Amino acid sequence: MEWKLVSRVANPWGQVPVSGDGQAVNPRVQEYMANVAAAAARRDCVSRRHHYVPQAYMKAWSPDGKRVRVLDTINGFDRLRGLRDTCVRENFYRVTDPLGAHNQAEAMLSVIDDEAARLLRLLRGWEPDDDMDFDDFMSLAVVLAFQRNRTPQRKRLLEAQDTWMRKRALQETPTLTTTGFVGSLFHSAYGVADEHSTRQLELWDDPQARLITSDQPVILSTPLCQPWVRRPVPRG
């Protein structure tokens, strides 16, 4: 089956779809990001099982609301697996700050997951000639930024960059920790979102109902998304 371009649509909103790296955030995003900030101030999340693909997202492809079909690309196994046990790792977002170690990042990301679930319901309910308003489009860009950059693949990429800096570029960088990974995720969100919102939005309907998890995070050229400061190693 070949994909073909059906039509091109000009910007329908009369607004430039960028946040200016967080300087001009639209009201919808402001609302739930305020809830993210409120969650960050608490220490009430005790969950140790952290989903890097939200259960609400996977549930949209579940035949019974409890399981989703999983293809293991390492061993080739193809079977139904419970949502609680799919795309999950223990203490994956556990960070350490001056007050100690905690899992509050999981509670912060759950706010983003709720918005992702709302947008998914919106998109799945679309009918011919339906359109997306500006606030939802900008919110979708933020949700995509978090989802694409919160995965183990993204963490491995940052670890590889960290190793390369030390071994090849002769620059001192601290070893990437989960704290640094989570910090990078949140600090880079708006910049990554602006990368998404300046590209066209494509919705594909797969007859086989396949769910593709994120394995190609957006990499920004700006140093603002990096959780560390690079500096040359003295020689001689």
Protein backbone atom coordinates (compact mmCIF):
# COMPACT_ATOMS: atom_id res chain seq x y z
CA MET A 1 0.00 0.00 0.00
CA GLU A 2 1.32 3.41 -0.95
CA TRP A 3 0.60 6.71 0.81
CA LYS A 4 -0.27 9.71 -1.30
CA LEU A 5 -0.85 13.39 -0.58
CA VAL A 6 -4.59 14.11 -0.66
CA SER A 7 -4.62 17.82 0.10
CA ARG A 8 -2.76 20.72 1.66
CA VAL A 9 -4.44 23.05 4.15
CA ALA A 10 -3.18 26.52 5.04
CA ASN A 11 -2.90 27.68 8.65
CA PRO A 12 -6.57 28.10 9.65
CA TRP A 13 -6.07 29.93 12.95
CA GLY A 14 -4.36 33.16 12.03
CA GLN A 15 -1.90 32.49 14.86
CA VAL A 16 1.67 31.25 14.65
CA PRO A 17 1.69 27.81 16.32
CA VAL A 18 4.74 28.25 18.55
CA SER A 19 5.13 28.94 22.27
CA GLY A 20 8.46 30.73 21.96
CA ASP A 21 10.08 28.03 24.14
CA GLY A 22 7.43 28.67 26.79
CA GLN A 23 7.20 32.47 26.56
CA ALA A 24 3.75 32.50 24.96
CA VAL A 25 1.89 29.42 26.21
CA ASN A 26 -1.79 29.14 25.30
CA PRO A 27 -4.44 28.94 28.09
CA ARG A 28 -5.14 25.21 27.77
CA VAL A 29 -1.49 24.28 28.26
CA GLN A 30 -1.11 26.87 31.03
CA GLU A 31 -3.95 25.20 32.92
CA TYR A 32 -2.56 21.70 33.10
CA MET A 33 1.06 22.78 33.41
CA ALA A 34 -0.02 24.64 36.56
CA ASN A 35 -1.30 21.28 37.80
CA VAL A 36 2.07 19.76 36.92
CA ALA A 37 3.78 22.42 39.03
CA ALA A 38 1.37 21.71 41.91
CA ALA A 39 2.15 18.00 41.72
CA ALA A 40 5.88 18.78 41.79
CA ALA A 41 5.50 20.59 45.11
CA ARG A 42 4.07 17.52 46.85
CA ARG A 43 5.61 14.26 48.00
CA ASP A 44 2.49 12.11 47.83
CA CYS A 45 3.33 9.75 44.95
CA VAL A 46 4.32 6.32 46.25
CA SER A 47 3.97 4.42 42.99
CA ARG A 48 7.13 2.56 41.97
CA ARG A 49 5.79 1.10 38.70
CA HIS A 50 6.18 3.84 36.11
CA HIS A 51 4.67 3.56 32.61
CA TYR A 52 6.68 5.29 29.92
CA VAL A 53 3.72 4.76 27.55
CA PRO A 54 0.52 5.79 29.39
CA GLN A 55 -1.99 3.05 30.11
CA ALA A 56 -4.80 5.29 28.86
CA TYR A 57 -3.01 5.53 25.52
CA MET A 58 -2.51 1.77 25.20
CA LYS A 59 -6.10 1.14 26.27
CA ALA A 60 -7.31 2.71 23.03
CA TRP A 61 -5.88 -0.36 21.24
CA SER A 62 -7.02 -2.90 23.82
CA PRO A 63 -9.63 -5.52 22.79
CA ASP A 64 -10.98 -5.81 26.33
CA GLY A 65 -9.79 -2.71 28.18
CA LYS A 66 -7.27 -4.78 30.13
CA ARG A 67 -4.74 -6.13 27.64
CA VAL A 68 -2.94 -5.02 24.49
CA ARG A 69 -1.21 -7.10 21.85
CA VAL A 70 2.57 -6.83 22.17
CA LEU A 71 5.25 -7.84 19.68
CA ASP A 72 8.62 -8.36 21.36
CA THR A 73 11.18 -7.30 18.73
CA ILE A 74 13.96 -9.17 20.57
CA ASN A 75 12.50 -12.67 20.86
CA GLY A 76 9.69 -12.38 18.28
CA PHE A 77 6.90 -13.26 20.74
CA ASP A 78 3.49 -11.84 19.78
CA ARG A 79 0.88 -12.08 22.52
CA LEU A 80 -1.64 -10.20 24.62
CA ARG A 81 -0.21 -8.62 27.75
CA GLY A 82 -1.87 -6.77 30.62
CA LEU A 83 -1.69 -2.97 30.44
CA ARG A 84 -0.19 -2.81 33.93
CA ASP A 85 2.77 -4.93 32.77
CA THR A 86 3.39 -3.28 29.40
CA CYS A 87 5.86 -0.43 28.80
CA VAL A 88 6.57 -0.15 32.52
CA ARG A 89 9.71 -0.08 34.67
CA GLU A 90 10.16 0.12 38.40
CA ASN A 91 11.28 3.55 39.66
CA PHE A 92 11.97 4.67 36.10
CA TYR A 93 11.31 8.34 36.97
CA ARG A 94 12.64 8.24 40.54
CA VAL A 95 14.70 11.38 41.18
CA THR A 96 16.76 12.78 44.02
CA ASP A 97 16.71 16.38 45.20
CA PRO A 98 17.93 18.11 48.39
CA LEU A 99 14.96 16.63 50.27
CA GLY A 100 15.77 13.08 49.20
CA ALA A 101 14.60 10.53 46.63
CA HIS A 102 10.97 10.49 45.49
CA ASN A 103 8.66 9.46 42.66
CA GLN A 104 6.84 12.74 42.26
CA ALA A 105 7.78 12.95 38.57
CA GLU A 106 5.34 10.07 38.01
CA ALA A 107 2.53 12.21 39.47
CA MET A 108 3.60 15.15 37.30
CA LEU A 109 3.54 13.02 34.16
CA SER A 110 0.11 11.64 35.10
CA VAL A 111 -1.26 15.16 34.54
CA ILE A 112 0.18 15.07 31.03
CA ASP A 113 -1.24 11.56 30.57
CA ASP A 114 -4.74 12.80 31.42
CA GLU A 115 -4.44 15.46 28.73
CA ALA A 116 -3.13 12.86 26.27
CA ALA A 117 -6.19 10.70 26.99
CA ARG A 118 -8.51 13.67 26.40
CA LEU A 119 -6.87 14.48 23.07
CA LEU A 120 -6.96 10.84 22.02
CA ARG A 121 -10.70 10.71 22.69
CA LEU A 122 -11.08 13.88 20.65
CA LEU A 123 -9.13 12.51 17.69
CA ARG A 124 -10.82 9.12 17.75
CA GLY A 125 -14.21 10.81 17.70
CA TRP A 126 -13.46 12.87 14.61
CA GLU A 127 -15.88 12.78 11.70
CA PRO A 128 -15.32 13.97 8.13
CA ASP A 129 -14.85 17.75 7.96
CA ASP A 130 -14.11 18.03 11.70
CA ASP A 131 -11.25 20.33 12.61
CA MET A 132 -8.99 21.02 15.57
CA ASP A 133 -8.95 24.34 17.37
CA PHE A 134 -5.71 26.18 18.10
CA ASP A 135 -5.53 25.36 21.82
CA ASP A 136 -5.94 21.64 21.22
CA PHE A 137 -3.35 21.68 18.45
CA MET A 138 -0.81 23.39 20.69
CA SER A 139 -1.64 21.05 23.55
CA LEU A 140 -1.11 18.08 21.25
CA ALA A 141 2.39 19.37 20.46
CA VAL A 142 3.24 19.49 24.19
CA VAL A 143 1.83 16.02 24.80
CA LEU A 144 3.86 14.64 21.90
CA ALA A 145 6.99 16.32 23.24
CA PHE A 146 6.62 14.57 26.58
CA GLN A 147 5.69 11.20 25.16
CA ARG A 148 8.47 11.03 22.60
CA ASN A 149 11.17 12.08 25.07
CA ARG A 150 10.17 10.15 28.21
CA THR A 151 11.04 6.68 26.95
CA PRO A 152 13.95 4.32 27.61
CA GLN A 153 15.12 4.99 24.04
CA ARG A 154 15.50 8.70 24.81
CA LYS A 155 17.34 7.94 28.03
CA ARG A 156 19.76 5.64 26.19
CA LEU A 157 20.34 8.39 23.63
CA LEU A 158 21.24 10.90 26.34
CA GLU A 159 23.53 8.34 27.96
CA ALA A 160 25.27 7.77 24.61
CA GLN A 161 25.72 11.53 24.15
CA ASP A 162 27.12 11.75 27.67
CA THR A 163 29.63 8.97 26.97
CA TRP A 164 30.63 10.52 23.63
CA MET A 165 31.32 13.89 25.26
CA ARG A 166 33.66 12.33 27.78
CA LYS A 167 35.51 9.95 25.46
CA ARG A 168 35.58 11.74 22.11
CA ALA A 169 35.07 15.46 22.67
CA LEU A 170 37.29 15.54 25.77
CA GLN A 171 34.68 17.49 27.69
CA GLU A 172 33.73 17.00 31.30
CA THR A 173 30.09 16.01 31.74
CA PRO A 174 28.52 14.46 34.80
CA THR A 175 27.26 10.91 34.44
CA LEU A 176 23.65 11.01 33.36
CA THR A 177 21.37 10.01 36.22
CA THR A 178 17.62 9.52 36.27
CA THR A 179 17.42 12.94 37.90
CA GLY A 180 19.24 14.47 34.94
CA PHE A 181 17.06 12.57 32.49
CA VAL A 182 13.82 13.75 34.11
CA GLY A 183 15.19 17.30 34.37
CA SER A 184 15.98 17.29 30.66
CA LEU A 185 12.51 15.96 29.88
CA PHE A 186 10.71 18.80 31.63
CA HIS A 187 13.14 21.61 30.79
CA SER A 188 13.08 20.84 27.07
CA ALA A 189 9.32 20.29 26.74
CA TYR A 190 8.33 23.62 25.18
CA GLY A 191 11.26 23.70 22.81
CA VAL A 192 10.46 20.20 21.58
CA ALA A 193 6.75 21.11 21.36
CA ASP A 194 7.62 24.03 19.09
CA GLU A 195 9.45 21.59 16.83
CA HIS A 196 6.23 19.58 16.51
CA SER A 197 3.78 22.47 16.12
CA THR A 198 5.66 23.94 13.16
CA ARG A 199 5.25 20.72 11.19
CA GLN A 200 2.11 19.45 9.51
CA LEU A 201 -0.21 17.20 11.49
CA GLU A 202 -0.86 13.82 9.88
CA LEU A 203 -3.39 11.31 11.20
CA TRP A 204 -3.05 7.80 9.79
CA ASP A 205 -5.76 5.17 10.08
CA ASP A 206 -4.08 1.76 10.12
CA PRO A 207 -6.50 -1.06 9.12
CA GLN A 208 -4.44 -3.43 11.28
CA ALA A 209 -4.81 -1.16 14.35
CA ARG A 210 -1.10 -1.27 15.15
CA LEU A 211 0.27 0.81 18.01
CA ILE A 212 3.75 2.21 17.44
CA THR A 213 5.59 3.35 20.55
CA SER A 214 8.08 6.19 20.40
CA ASP A 215 11.62 5.31 19.40
CA GLN A 216 12.74 8.46 17.57
CA PRO A 217 12.85 11.42 19.95
CA VAL A 218 13.22 14.91 18.54
CA ILE A 219 16.73 16.27 19.06
CA LEU A 220 17.04 20.02 19.35
CA SER A 221 20.09 21.96 18.25
CA THR A 222 19.75 24.45 21.09
CA PRO A 223 21.75 23.87 24.30
CA LEU A 224 18.71 24.88 26.36
CA CYS A 225 17.46 21.31 26.42
CA GLN A 226 20.64 19.92 27.95
CA PRO A 227 20.66 19.24 31.72
CA TRP A 228 24.37 19.97 32.02
CA VAL A 229 26.94 22.60 31.10
CA ARG A 230 29.72 21.60 28.76
CA ARG A 231 33.22 22.87 29.34
CA PRO A 232 36.58 21.90 27.83
CA VAL A 233 39.00 19.68 29.72
CA PRO A 234 42.34 21.45 30.45
CA ARG A 235 45.26 19.89 28.63
CA GLY A 236 48.92 19.70 29.45
